[in-house]
Amino acid sequence: MTAITDDPEFRALCAYSARIGGDPALIQGAGGNTSLKRDGTLWVKASGTWLSEAERRMIMVPVRLAPLRAALAAGDPRAETATDFVVAEDNPAGLRPSIEATLHAALPHRVVVHVHCVETIAWAARVDAEAALAPRLAGLNWAFIPYIRPGPPLTRAIAARLAPDTDVLILGNHGLVAGGADTAAAGARIAEVASRLRRAQRPAPPADLDRLAAAAAASDYVAAADPLTHAVATDARALAVARRGSLYPDHVIFLGPGIVEIPPGGRAAEVAGTRSPPPAMLVVPGAGVLLRRDASAGAIALARCLADVTTRLAPEEPLAPLGVAAERELMNWEAEQYRKAQPAPRA
């Protein structure tokens, strides 16, 4: 059998994965995943790896497609991680499949791409998301899936809505999925949807670095290095949106539920000391964002994502935060804790 790395379509998928992995409007940190079906094998991104690495190292895991689909149909709990269906001899690094491997397996397309597009999330986090999206996606073969935990629960919800010609999925409070006969087709659908859903992003005042320094004094926190991250605190409307609650799963996984604010005149050390574990991110209203010195690369990326999403939303919109039960489910899910613990790419 020809090595997968010699397959032109596999190389095209890796090149595309690396490109979108470097675009924070589509992918943040270890979020998102891509896949290719070839000769009965599903090659899907490994859990916790970054798409931006796709051309630098092997981040794709081979999974036996038919047994995984059978396990999913039978309600077999092994479908949750899909590790029992990995082709071990073609996975020398012992990588673990994406937590959304079943989603990729269930779709019939040869290539499937899933992104956490900030333009999509800004629409998909609304109570009326499906109705609001309908005129914007007219003419596309798309379906809306209300929020449900990723993995087999989400896959089963997708299967219930999937029509033979569906090639675009909008996942409530989550993101965008597109399939195609090849990478070019799937990628074109991602670009088309992102373009149709584009929303104006409000410019935000710059961070007040002096106030942030005062709030961070004698603590393990520093001002966020990315100036765009501060918008969630310096734009009053973005802050009002963020106060509504967590809007998408990766926010909860990497930053914890909602946001933690430092009150006027307060100090990071005092606020962090009341919480275990200490928050990765603290918001200083009107001044900016503080991040723990040891914040993971994933947390840093999701802090920027929060600003990118909230500056596209207005507080008066009918938003649908995930809620306490969904947040708790995500935080206690072993698969997400595994993904969060994986090392970030080396610079």
Foldseek 3Di string as FASTA:
>chain_A
DDDPVPDPQLVVVLVVLLVQLPPLLWAFQQDKKKWFDDPQWIWIFFFQATSNCSVVDPRTWTFRLPVLQVCLVVVNPCNQFSLVRTPPVSCVVSTTGYSQVLLVSLDPFRMKIWTQRLLLLLLLQFPCSVVVCPVLQPPAQEDEFEDDDHHSVSNVSCVVVDDPRRAWYRYRLAGIMGGHNGPVVRVVVVVSSSVSSDFDFDDFDWAQQVVQCQQAPPHQKHAQPDRLLFRCQRPVFLVLQLQVKARHLLCCLQFNIGAAEAPVVHHQRVSQVVDVNRTQWYHYHNHGIMGGNPRASSNSRVSSSSSSNSSRHGNPGRGHHPDDVSSVCSNPDPSSVVSVPDHYDDD
